[in-house]
Amino acid sequence: MDRIVNVHEAKTHLSRLLHRVVLGEEILIGNAGRPVAPIVGVRRHVPRRTPGSARGRIKILPSFDAPLPKEIRNAFKD
């Protein structure tokens, strides 16, 4: 957002500005050369995660939370 578009230009060329936003650009609307508001694209809908959707795909071994080997534990000591 390095270019500020004044209010008059924004009203006159709104369709062009929106097209640029759709292409990924962010536009600043300004009044008297001072930034007032951004025009940014709407984030696409991200599908909600479903708990348990990986059931049966992941296997946790019984040794998952077993103590670490002594040499690794010692590496964490001061």
N, C-alpha and C. Protein backbone atom coordinates (compact mmCIF):
# COMPACT_ATOMS: atom_id res chain seq x y z
N MET A 1 0.84 -1.18 0.00
CA MET A 1 0.00 0.00 0.00
C MET A 1 0.88 1.25 0.00
N ASP A 2 1.54 1.47 -1.09
CA ASP A 2 2.42 2.62 -1.12
C ASP A 2 1.78 3.81 -1.84
N ARG A 3 0.67 3.63 -2.49
CA ARG A 3 0.02 4.72 -3.21
C ARG A 3 -1.28 5.08 -2.52
N ILE A 4 -1.49 6.36 -2.31
CA ILE A 4 -2.74 6.84 -1.71
C ILE A 4 -3.61 7.39 -2.82
N VAL A 5 -4.84 6.92 -2.87
CA VAL A 5 -5.82 7.38 -3.86
C VAL A 5 -6.76 8.35 -3.16
N ASN A 6 -6.89 9.56 -3.72
CA ASN A 6 -7.77 10.52 -3.04
C ASN A 6 -9.23 10.13 -3.21
N VAL A 7 -10.07 10.69 -2.38
CA VAL A 7 -11.49 10.33 -2.34
C VAL A 7 -12.16 10.54 -3.68
N HIS A 8 -11.90 11.68 -4.33
CA HIS A 8 -12.52 11.97 -5.63
C HIS A 8 -12.14 10.91 -6.66
N GLU A 9 -10.85 10.57 -6.72
CA GLU A 9 -10.39 9.55 -7.66
C GLU A 9 -11.01 8.20 -7.34
N ALA A 10 -11.14 7.89 -6.05
CA ALA A 10 -11.73 6.61 -5.64
C ALA A 10 -13.19 6.53 -6.09
N LYS A 11 -13.92 7.62 -5.92
CA LYS A 11 -15.34 7.62 -6.35
C LYS A 11 -15.44 7.49 -7.86
N THR A 12 -14.55 8.16 -8.57
CA THR A 12 -14.60 8.16 -10.03
C THR A 12 -14.19 6.82 -10.62
N HIS A 13 -13.21 6.16 -10.00
CA HIS A 13 -12.63 4.93 -10.56
C HIS A 13 -12.80 3.73 -9.64
N LEU A 14 -13.91 3.67 -8.94
CA LEU A 14 -14.11 2.58 -7.97
C LEU A 14 -14.01 1.20 -8.63
N SER A 15 -14.61 1.02 -9.79
CA SER A 15 -14.56 -0.28 -10.46
C SER A 15 -13.13 -0.71 -10.76
N ARG A 16 -12.31 0.23 -11.24
CA ARG A 16 -10.91 -0.09 -11.53
C ARG A 16 -10.16 -0.45 -10.25
N LEU A 17 -10.42 0.31 -9.20
CA LEU A 17 -9.75 0.03 -7.92
C LEU A 17 -10.14 -1.35 -7.39
N LEU A 18 -11.42 -1.68 -7.49
CA LEU A 18 -11.88 -2.99 -7.03
C LEU A 18 -11.24 -4.11 -7.84
N HIS A 19 -11.06 -3.89 -9.12
CA HIS A 19 -10.40 -4.89 -9.95
C HIS A 19 -8.96 -5.11 -9.48
N ARG A 20 -8.27 -4.04 -9.14
CA ARG A 20 -6.91 -4.16 -8.63
C ARG A 20 -6.89 -4.91 -7.30
N VAL A 21 -7.89 -4.67 -6.46
CA VAL A 21 -7.99 -5.36 -5.18
C VAL A 21 -8.20 -6.86 -5.40
N VAL A 22 -9.04 -7.20 -6.35
CA VAL A 22 -9.29 -8.62 -6.66
C VAL A 22 -7.99 -9.29 -7.09
N LEU A 23 -7.11 -8.56 -7.73
CA LEU A 23 -5.82 -9.11 -8.16
C LEU A 23 -4.80 -9.18 -7.03
N GLY A 24 -5.20 -8.74 -5.83
CA GLY A 24 -4.33 -8.88 -4.67
C GLY A 24 -3.73 -7.59 -4.14
N GLU A 25 -3.98 -6.49 -4.79
CA GLU A 25 -3.42 -5.21 -4.35
C GLU A 25 -4.23 -4.64 -3.19
N GLU A 26 -3.59 -3.93 -2.31
CA GLU A 26 -4.28 -3.20 -1.25
C GLU A 26 -4.17 -1.72 -1.58
N ILE A 27 -5.26 -1.00 -1.42
CA ILE A 27 -5.30 0.40 -1.81
C ILE A 27 -5.67 1.26 -0.61
N LEU A 28 -4.99 2.39 -0.48
CA LEU A 28 -5.30 3.33 0.59
C LEU A 28 -6.11 4.49 0.03
N ILE A 29 -7.22 4.79 0.69
CA ILE A 29 -8.00 5.96 0.35
C ILE A 29 -7.52 7.08 1.26
N GLY A 30 -7.28 8.23 0.67
CA GLY A 30 -6.78 9.34 1.47
C GLY A 30 -7.60 10.59 1.29
N ASN A 31 -7.47 11.48 2.25
CA ASN A 31 -8.12 12.78 2.19
C ASN A 31 -7.04 13.81 2.44
N ALA A 32 -6.84 14.71 1.49
CA ALA A 32 -5.80 15.73 1.56
C ALA A 32 -4.42 15.09 1.71
N GLY A 33 -4.21 13.94 1.03
CA GLY A 33 -2.92 13.28 1.05
C GLY A 33 -2.63 12.45 2.28
N ARG A 34 -3.57 12.40 3.20
CA ARG A 34 -3.38 11.62 4.43
C ARG A 34 -4.20 10.34 4.36
N PRO A 35 -3.62 9.19 4.68
CA PRO A 35 -4.37 7.93 4.64
C PRO A 35 -5.56 7.96 5.59
N VAL A 36 -6.69 7.46 5.09
CA VAL A 36 -7.91 7.42 5.89
C VAL A 36 -8.41 5.99 6.06
N ALA A 37 -8.44 5.22 4.96
CA ALA A 37 -9.00 3.87 5.04
C ALA A 37 -8.40 2.99 3.94
N PRO A 38 -8.19 1.72 4.24
CA PRO A 38 -7.70 0.80 3.22
C PRO A 38 -8.85 0.09 2.51
N ILE A 39 -8.60 -0.29 1.28
CA ILE A 39 -9.51 -1.20 0.57
C ILE A 39 -8.70 -2.48 0.40
N VAL A 40 -9.16 -3.55 1.00
CA VAL A 40 -8.47 -4.83 0.92
C VAL A 40 -9.46 -5.91 0.50
N GLY A 41 -8.96 -6.96 -0.07
CA GLY A 41 -9.81 -8.06 -0.50
C GLY A 41 -10.39 -8.83 0.67
N VAL A 42 -11.49 -9.48 0.41
CA VAL A 42 -12.14 -10.32 1.41
C VAL A 42 -11.42 -11.66 1.44
N ARG A 43 -11.16 -12.14 2.63
CA ARG A 43 -10.52 -13.45 2.76
C ARG A 43 -11.48 -14.54 2.33
N ARG A 44 -10.95 -15.48 1.63
CA ARG A 44 -11.76 -16.62 1.18
C ARG A 44 -12.19 -17.45 2.38
N HIS A 45 -13.33 -18.09 2.24
CA HIS A 45 -13.84 -18.95 3.30
C HIS A 45 -12.93 -20.15 3.47
N VAL A 46 -12.49 -20.38 4.68
CA VAL A 46 -11.66 -21.53 5.00
C VAL A 46 -12.56 -22.58 5.65
N PRO A 47 -12.59 -23.78 5.09
CA PRO A 47 -13.47 -24.81 5.67
C PRO A 47 -13.12 -25.09 7.13
N ARG A 48 -14.13 -25.30 7.92
CA ARG A 48 -13.92 -25.61 9.34
C ARG A 48 -13.32 -26.99 9.48
N ARG A 49 -12.45 -27.11 10.46
CA ARG A 49 -11.85 -28.41 10.75
C ARG A 49 -12.86 -29.27 11.49
N THR A 50 -12.85 -30.55 11.16
CA THR A 50 -13.75 -31.49 11.80
C THR A 50 -12.96 -32.36 12.76
N PRO A 51 -13.24 -32.26 14.06
CA PRO A 51 -12.52 -33.10 15.02
C PRO A 51 -12.71 -34.59 14.69
N GLY A 52 -11.63 -35.32 14.75
CA GLY A 52 -11.70 -36.75 14.49
C GLY A 52 -11.59 -37.13 13.03
N SER A 53 -11.36 -36.16 12.15
CA SER A 53 -11.31 -36.48 10.71
C SER A 53 -10.09 -37.34 10.34
N ALA A 54 -9.07 -37.39 11.20
CA ALA A 54 -7.89 -38.21 10.92
C ALA A 54 -7.94 -39.55 11.67
N ARG A 55 -9.07 -39.85 12.28
CA ARG A 55 -9.20 -41.10 13.02
C ARG A 55 -8.88 -42.29 12.12
N GLY A 56 -8.02 -43.16 12.62
CA GLY A 56 -7.63 -44.34 11.86
C GLY A 56 -6.42 -44.10 10.98
N ARG A 57 -5.99 -42.87 10.82
CA ARG A 57 -4.84 -42.56 9.97
C ARG A 57 -3.56 -42.36 10.79
N ILE A 58 -3.70 -42.12 12.05
CA ILE A 58 -2.54 -41.85 12.91
C ILE A 58 -2.46 -42.93 13.97
N LYS A 59 -1.24 -43.41 14.19
CA LYS A 59 -1.05 -44.44 15.20
C LYS A 59 -0.07 -43.92 16.24
N ILE A 60 -0.47 -43.93 17.49
CA ILE A 60 0.39 -43.51 18.58
C ILE A 60 0.83 -44.77 19.31
N LEU A 61 2.12 -44.97 19.32
CA LEU A 61 2.67 -46.18 19.94
C LEU A 61 2.57 -46.09 21.46
N PRO A 62 2.50 -47.23 22.13
CA PRO A 62 2.44 -47.23 23.59
C PRO A 62 3.66 -46.55 24.23
N SER A 63 4.79 -46.52 23.53
CA SER A 63 6.00 -45.91 24.08
C SER A 63 6.06 -44.40 23.84
N PHE A 64 4.98 -43.82 23.37
CA PHE A 64 4.96 -42.39 23.03
C PHE A 64 5.45 -41.50 24.17
N ASP A 65 4.97 -41.74 25.37
CA ASP A 65 5.36 -40.89 26.49
C ASP A 65 6.36 -41.57 27.44
N ALA A 66 7.09 -42.55 26.91
CA ALA A 66 8.12 -43.23 27.71
C ALA A 66 9.27 -42.25 27.97
N PRO A 67 10.01 -42.42 29.05
CA PRO A 67 11.14 -41.54 29.34
C PRO A 67 12.15 -41.56 28.20
N LEU A 68 12.79 -40.42 28.00
CA LEU A 68 13.82 -40.33 26.96
C LEU A 68 15.06 -41.10 27.40
N PRO A 69 15.87 -41.52 26.45
CA PRO A 69 17.13 -42.17 26.81
C PRO A 69 18.00 -41.21 27.65
N LYS A 70 18.85 -41.79 28.48
CA LYS A 70 19.65 -41.01 29.44
C LYS A 70 20.50 -39.95 28.75
N GLU A 71 21.13 -40.28 27.60
CA GLU A 71 22.00 -39.31 26.92
C GLU A 71 21.23 -38.09 26.40
N ILE A 72 20.00 -38.28 26.03
CA ILE A 72 19.18 -37.15 25.60
C ILE A 72 18.73 -36.32 26.80
N ARG A 73 18.31 -36.97 27.87
CA ARG A 73 17.94 -36.24 29.10
C ARG A 73 19.09 -35.39 29.60
N ASN A 74 20.30 -35.96 29.57
CA ASN A 74 21.48 -35.24 30.05
C ASN A 74 21.78 -33.99 29.19
N ALA A 75 21.42 -34.02 27.93
CA ALA A 75 21.68 -32.88 27.05
C ALA A 75 20.85 -31.66 27.47
N PHE A 76 19.76 -31.86 28.18
CA PHE A 76 18.90 -30.77 28.61
C PHE A 76 19.28 -30.22 29.99
N LYS A 77 20.21 -30.85 30.65
CA LYS A 77 20.63 -30.37 31.96
C LYS A 77 21.64 -29.26 31.81
N ASP A 78 21.71 -28.39 32.81
CA ASP A 78 22.67 -27.28 32.78
C ASP A 78 24.08 -27.73 32.92
